[in-house]
N, C-alpha and C. Protein backbone atom coordinates (compact mmCIF):
# COMPACT_ATOMS: atom_id res chain seq x y z
N UNK A 1 113.47 30.28 8.63
CA UNK A 1 112.34 29.43 8.31
C UNK A 1 112.68 28.00 8.68
N UNK A 2 111.71 27.32 9.21
CA UNK A 2 111.94 25.97 9.67
C UNK A 2 112.06 24.96 8.54
N UNK A 3 112.63 23.84 8.89
CA UNK A 3 112.84 22.76 7.91
C UNK A 3 111.53 22.34 7.26
N UNK A 4 110.47 22.18 8.02
CA UNK A 4 109.21 21.72 7.46
C UNK A 4 108.62 22.74 6.49
N UNK A 5 108.79 24.02 6.75
CA UNK A 5 108.29 25.05 5.84
C UNK A 5 109.00 24.93 4.49
N UNK A 6 110.30 24.77 4.52
CA UNK A 6 111.05 24.65 3.26
C UNK A 6 110.60 23.42 2.48
N UNK A 7 110.38 22.32 3.18
CA UNK A 7 109.91 21.10 2.52
C UNK A 7 108.57 21.35 1.83
N UNK A 8 107.67 22.03 2.52
CA UNK A 8 106.37 22.32 1.96
C UNK A 8 106.49 23.22 0.73
N UNK A 9 107.32 24.22 0.82
CA UNK A 9 107.53 25.13 -0.30
C UNK A 9 108.12 24.39 -1.50
N UNK A 10 109.06 23.49 -1.26
CA UNK A 10 109.64 22.70 -2.35
C UNK A 10 108.57 21.85 -3.04
N UNK A 11 107.65 21.28 -2.26
CA UNK A 11 106.59 20.47 -2.85
C UNK A 11 105.70 21.34 -3.74
N UNK A 12 105.34 22.53 -3.26
CA UNK A 12 104.51 23.43 -4.07
C UNK A 12 105.21 23.75 -5.39
N UNK A 13 106.48 24.11 -5.31
CA UNK A 13 107.23 24.46 -6.51
C UNK A 13 107.36 23.26 -7.44
N UNK A 14 107.63 22.09 -6.88
CA UNK A 14 107.75 20.88 -7.72
C UNK A 14 106.43 20.57 -8.42
N UNK A 15 105.31 20.70 -7.72
CA UNK A 15 104.02 20.45 -8.36
C UNK A 15 103.74 21.47 -9.45
N UNK A 16 104.08 22.73 -9.21
CA UNK A 16 103.86 23.75 -10.23
C UNK A 16 104.70 23.46 -11.47
N UNK A 17 105.93 23.02 -11.27
CA UNK A 17 106.79 22.67 -12.41
C UNK A 17 106.20 21.46 -13.13
N UNK A 18 105.77 20.48 -12.38
CA UNK A 18 105.19 19.27 -12.97
C UNK A 18 103.97 19.62 -13.82
N UNK A 19 103.13 20.50 -13.31
CA UNK A 19 101.93 20.91 -14.05
C UNK A 19 102.31 21.62 -15.33
N UNK A 20 103.33 22.47 -15.26
CA UNK A 20 103.68 23.28 -16.43
C UNK A 20 104.39 22.48 -17.51
N UNK A 21 105.09 21.40 -17.17
CA UNK A 21 105.82 20.65 -18.18
C UNK A 21 105.11 19.38 -18.65
N UNK A 22 104.05 18.99 -17.95
CA UNK A 22 103.36 17.76 -18.34
C UNK A 22 102.12 18.09 -19.15
N UNK A 23 101.51 17.07 -19.62
CA UNK A 23 100.28 17.23 -20.40
C UNK A 23 99.21 17.89 -19.54
N UNK A 24 98.56 18.89 -20.09
CA UNK A 24 97.52 19.61 -19.36
C UNK A 24 96.34 18.70 -19.03
N UNK A 25 96.17 17.65 -19.80
CA UNK A 25 95.02 16.79 -19.58
C UNK A 25 95.32 15.60 -18.67
N UNK A 26 96.42 15.65 -17.93
CA UNK A 26 96.75 14.57 -17.00
C UNK A 26 95.71 14.55 -15.88
N UNK A 27 94.87 13.55 -15.90
CA UNK A 27 93.79 13.44 -14.92
C UNK A 27 94.02 12.23 -14.04
N UNK A 28 93.74 12.38 -12.75
CA UNK A 28 93.88 11.22 -11.87
C UNK A 28 92.74 10.23 -12.10
N UNK A 29 93.01 8.98 -11.80
CA UNK A 29 91.94 7.96 -11.84
C UNK A 29 90.99 8.25 -10.68
N UNK A 30 89.80 7.66 -10.67
CA UNK A 30 88.90 7.86 -9.53
C UNK A 30 89.53 7.48 -8.19
N UNK A 31 90.29 6.40 -8.20
CA UNK A 31 90.96 5.97 -6.96
C UNK A 31 92.02 7.00 -6.54
N UNK A 32 92.77 7.51 -7.51
CA UNK A 32 93.77 8.53 -7.20
C UNK A 32 93.09 9.81 -6.70
N UNK A 33 91.98 10.18 -7.32
CA UNK A 33 91.25 11.39 -6.89
C UNK A 33 90.85 11.30 -5.42
N UNK A 34 90.38 10.12 -5.03
CA UNK A 34 89.99 9.92 -3.63
C UNK A 34 91.20 10.06 -2.71
N UNK A 35 92.31 9.44 -3.08
CA UNK A 35 93.53 9.53 -2.27
C UNK A 35 94.03 10.97 -2.20
N UNK A 36 93.98 11.67 -3.33
CA UNK A 36 94.43 13.06 -3.37
C UNK A 36 93.57 13.93 -2.45
N UNK A 37 92.26 13.74 -2.48
CA UNK A 37 91.37 14.51 -1.61
C UNK A 37 91.65 14.22 -0.13
N UNK A 38 91.94 12.97 0.20
CA UNK A 38 92.27 12.63 1.58
C UNK A 38 93.57 13.30 2.00
N UNK A 39 94.55 13.32 1.10
CA UNK A 39 95.82 13.97 1.40
C UNK A 39 95.65 15.48 1.53
N UNK A 40 94.82 16.07 0.69
CA UNK A 40 94.57 17.52 0.78
C UNK A 40 94.00 17.85 2.16
N UNK A 41 93.10 17.02 2.66
CA UNK A 41 92.51 17.29 3.98
C UNK A 41 93.57 17.19 5.08
N UNK A 42 94.60 16.39 4.87
CA UNK A 42 95.66 16.25 5.87
C UNK A 42 96.62 17.44 5.89
N UNK A 43 96.50 18.33 4.93
CA UNK A 43 97.35 19.52 4.91
C UNK A 43 97.01 20.49 6.05
N UNK A 44 95.88 20.26 6.71
CA UNK A 44 95.50 21.08 7.86
C UNK A 44 95.81 20.39 9.18
N UNK A 45 96.57 19.31 9.13
CA UNK A 45 96.91 18.58 10.37
C UNK A 45 97.63 19.50 11.35
N UNK A 46 97.46 19.22 12.63
CA UNK A 46 98.07 20.03 13.67
C UNK A 46 99.59 19.97 13.62
N UNK A 47 100.12 18.76 13.45
CA UNK A 47 101.58 18.58 13.47
C UNK A 47 102.17 18.81 12.08
N UNK A 48 103.23 19.60 12.05
CA UNK A 48 103.90 19.91 10.80
C UNK A 48 104.39 18.68 10.06
N UNK A 49 104.84 17.67 10.82
CA UNK A 49 105.35 16.45 10.19
C UNK A 49 104.25 15.75 9.38
N UNK A 50 103.02 15.80 9.91
CA UNK A 50 101.89 15.18 9.20
C UNK A 50 101.57 15.95 7.93
N UNK A 51 101.65 17.28 8.00
CA UNK A 51 101.40 18.10 6.81
C UNK A 51 102.45 17.84 5.74
N UNK A 52 103.71 17.73 6.16
CA UNK A 52 104.79 17.48 5.21
C UNK A 52 104.64 16.09 4.59
N UNK A 53 104.27 15.11 5.39
CA UNK A 53 104.06 13.75 4.85
C UNK A 53 102.96 13.77 3.79
N UNK A 54 101.87 14.49 4.06
CA UNK A 54 100.78 14.59 3.08
C UNK A 54 101.26 15.31 1.82
N UNK A 55 102.01 16.38 1.99
CA UNK A 55 102.51 17.13 0.84
C UNK A 55 103.46 16.28 0.00
N UNK A 56 104.34 15.54 0.65
CA UNK A 56 105.26 14.67 -0.08
C UNK A 56 104.51 13.57 -0.82
N UNK A 57 103.46 13.05 -0.21
CA UNK A 57 102.65 12.03 -0.89
C UNK A 57 101.94 12.63 -2.10
N UNK A 58 101.46 13.86 -1.96
CA UNK A 58 100.82 14.54 -3.10
C UNK A 58 101.80 14.73 -4.24
N UNK A 59 103.04 15.06 -3.90
CA UNK A 59 104.05 15.29 -4.94
C UNK A 59 104.28 14.05 -5.79
N UNK A 60 104.08 12.88 -5.22
CA UNK A 60 104.28 11.64 -5.97
C UNK A 60 103.26 11.47 -7.09
N UNK A 61 102.13 12.16 -6.98
CA UNK A 61 101.12 12.11 -8.03
C UNK A 61 101.45 13.04 -9.20
N UNK A 62 102.43 13.91 -9.00
CA UNK A 62 102.81 14.85 -10.05
C UNK A 62 101.66 15.74 -10.45
N UNK A 63 101.54 16.00 -11.75
CA UNK A 63 100.52 16.93 -12.23
C UNK A 63 99.10 16.44 -11.99
N UNK A 64 98.93 15.15 -11.72
CA UNK A 64 97.59 14.63 -11.43
C UNK A 64 97.07 15.18 -10.09
N UNK A 65 97.97 15.74 -9.28
CA UNK A 65 97.57 16.32 -7.99
C UNK A 65 97.42 17.83 -8.09
N UNK A 66 97.19 18.35 -9.28
CA UNK A 66 97.07 19.80 -9.44
C UNK A 66 95.94 20.39 -8.60
N UNK A 67 94.94 19.61 -8.27
CA UNK A 67 93.85 20.10 -7.41
C UNK A 67 94.35 20.48 -6.02
N UNK A 68 95.51 19.97 -5.63
CA UNK A 68 96.05 20.25 -4.31
C UNK A 68 96.81 21.57 -4.24
N UNK A 69 97.16 22.13 -5.39
CA UNK A 69 98.02 23.32 -5.39
C UNK A 69 97.41 24.49 -4.61
N UNK A 70 96.14 24.85 -4.81
CA UNK A 70 95.62 25.98 -4.02
C UNK A 70 95.73 25.75 -2.51
N UNK A 71 95.45 24.54 -2.05
CA UNK A 71 95.55 24.24 -0.62
C UNK A 71 97.00 24.28 -0.16
N UNK A 72 97.92 23.79 -0.99
CA UNK A 72 99.34 23.84 -0.63
C UNK A 72 99.81 25.29 -0.52
N UNK A 73 99.39 26.12 -1.44
CA UNK A 73 99.79 27.53 -1.38
C UNK A 73 99.19 28.18 -0.13
N UNK A 74 97.94 27.85 0.17
CA UNK A 74 97.31 28.37 1.38
C UNK A 74 98.10 27.95 2.62
N UNK A 75 98.58 26.70 2.62
CA UNK A 75 99.35 26.19 3.75
C UNK A 75 100.69 26.94 3.88
N UNK A 76 101.34 27.21 2.75
CA UNK A 76 102.58 28.00 2.77
C UNK A 76 102.28 29.37 3.35
N UNK A 77 101.19 29.97 2.91
CA UNK A 77 100.81 31.29 3.40
C UNK A 77 100.60 31.28 4.92
N UNK A 78 99.87 30.29 5.42
CA UNK A 78 99.64 30.19 6.87
C UNK A 78 100.95 30.01 7.62
N UNK A 79 101.84 29.16 7.10
CA UNK A 79 103.11 28.94 7.77
C UNK A 79 103.96 30.20 7.81
N UNK A 80 103.94 30.96 6.73
CA UNK A 80 104.69 32.22 6.71
C UNK A 80 104.14 33.19 7.74
N UNK A 81 102.83 33.30 7.81
CA UNK A 81 102.20 34.22 8.76
C UNK A 81 102.51 33.78 10.19
N UNK A 82 102.44 32.48 10.44
CA UNK A 82 102.75 31.97 11.79
C UNK A 82 104.20 32.26 12.18
N UNK A 83 105.08 32.35 11.20
CA UNK A 83 106.48 32.64 11.47
C UNK A 83 106.74 34.14 11.54
N UNK A 84 105.69 34.94 11.36
CA UNK A 84 105.83 36.39 11.45
C UNK A 84 106.41 37.03 10.20
N UNK A 85 106.36 36.33 9.10
CA UNK A 85 106.93 36.84 7.85
C UNK A 85 105.83 37.42 6.96
N UNK A 86 105.11 38.38 7.51
CA UNK A 86 103.95 38.94 6.80
C UNK A 86 104.32 39.60 5.48
N UNK A 87 105.42 40.31 5.44
CA UNK A 87 105.77 41.02 4.20
C UNK A 87 106.12 40.06 3.07
N UNK A 88 106.74 38.95 3.42
CA UNK A 88 107.10 37.96 2.39
C UNK A 88 105.88 37.17 1.93
N UNK A 89 104.91 37.04 2.79
CA UNK A 89 103.75 36.20 2.51
C UNK A 89 103.00 36.62 1.27
N UNK A 90 102.58 37.88 1.23
CA UNK A 90 101.75 38.32 0.12
C UNK A 90 102.46 38.19 -1.21
N UNK A 91 103.71 38.63 -1.28
CA UNK A 91 104.45 38.58 -2.54
C UNK A 91 104.65 37.15 -3.02
N UNK A 92 105.11 36.28 -2.14
CA UNK A 92 105.37 34.89 -2.52
C UNK A 92 104.09 34.19 -2.96
N UNK A 93 103.06 34.29 -2.16
CA UNK A 93 101.82 33.57 -2.49
C UNK A 93 101.17 34.15 -3.73
N UNK A 94 101.27 35.44 -3.92
CA UNK A 94 100.73 36.05 -5.14
C UNK A 94 101.44 35.48 -6.37
N UNK A 95 102.77 35.36 -6.29
CA UNK A 95 103.53 34.79 -7.41
C UNK A 95 103.19 33.32 -7.63
N UNK A 96 103.04 32.56 -6.56
CA UNK A 96 102.69 31.14 -6.70
C UNK A 96 101.32 30.99 -7.34
N UNK A 97 100.36 31.82 -6.93
CA UNK A 97 99.03 31.76 -7.54
C UNK A 97 99.08 32.14 -9.02
N UNK A 98 99.91 33.13 -9.36
CA UNK A 98 100.05 33.53 -10.77
C UNK A 98 100.57 32.37 -11.60
N UNK A 99 101.60 31.71 -11.11
CA UNK A 99 102.18 30.57 -11.84
C UNK A 99 101.12 29.48 -12.00
N UNK A 100 100.39 29.21 -10.93
CA UNK A 100 99.35 28.18 -10.99
C UNK A 100 98.25 28.58 -11.97
N UNK A 101 97.84 29.83 -11.95
CA UNK A 101 96.76 30.30 -12.83
C UNK A 101 97.15 30.19 -14.30
N UNK A 102 98.39 30.48 -14.61
CA UNK A 102 98.85 30.41 -15.99
C UNK A 102 98.84 28.96 -16.49
N UNK A 103 99.12 28.03 -15.59
CA UNK A 103 99.28 26.63 -15.98
C UNK A 103 98.06 25.75 -15.71
N UNK A 104 96.95 26.34 -15.32
CA UNK A 104 95.76 25.54 -15.06
C UNK A 104 94.52 26.36 -15.40
N UNK A 105 93.42 25.68 -15.44
CA UNK A 105 92.17 26.34 -15.81
C UNK A 105 91.63 27.24 -14.71
N UNK A 106 91.52 26.75 -13.46
CA UNK A 106 90.90 27.61 -12.45
C UNK A 106 91.78 28.80 -12.09
N UNK A 107 91.18 29.93 -11.88
CA UNK A 107 91.89 31.10 -11.42
C UNK A 107 91.57 31.26 -9.95
N UNK A 108 92.56 31.06 -9.10
CA UNK A 108 92.33 31.05 -7.66
C UNK A 108 93.09 32.17 -6.99
N UNK A 109 92.69 32.45 -5.77
CA UNK A 109 93.44 33.38 -4.93
C UNK A 109 93.46 34.79 -5.45
N UNK A 110 94.51 35.44 -5.18
CA UNK A 110 94.75 36.84 -5.44
C UNK A 110 94.26 37.24 -6.80
């Protein structure tokens, strides 16, 4: 797995940990919400470096960026599939969605 994939996976895991250990009611300010949405849109950037930069910026918001978790997991899933790791993809992403579902209100994915 490439360096950028590992970085992205670390960000997803860090955000999930942040969500689970912080106050459930941690809400971003309106200005932060706008920045978070802009960063979420950058997770589909063509260049991996741009995606990693957006993910790292999201991580700085901690649990206030919980809205980004489904998109981050989707990005991990796409990267795994692009690397030909189909068997690992379903299991890993299913587990990430489970962790996210337990620690947040919306039930997403699998």
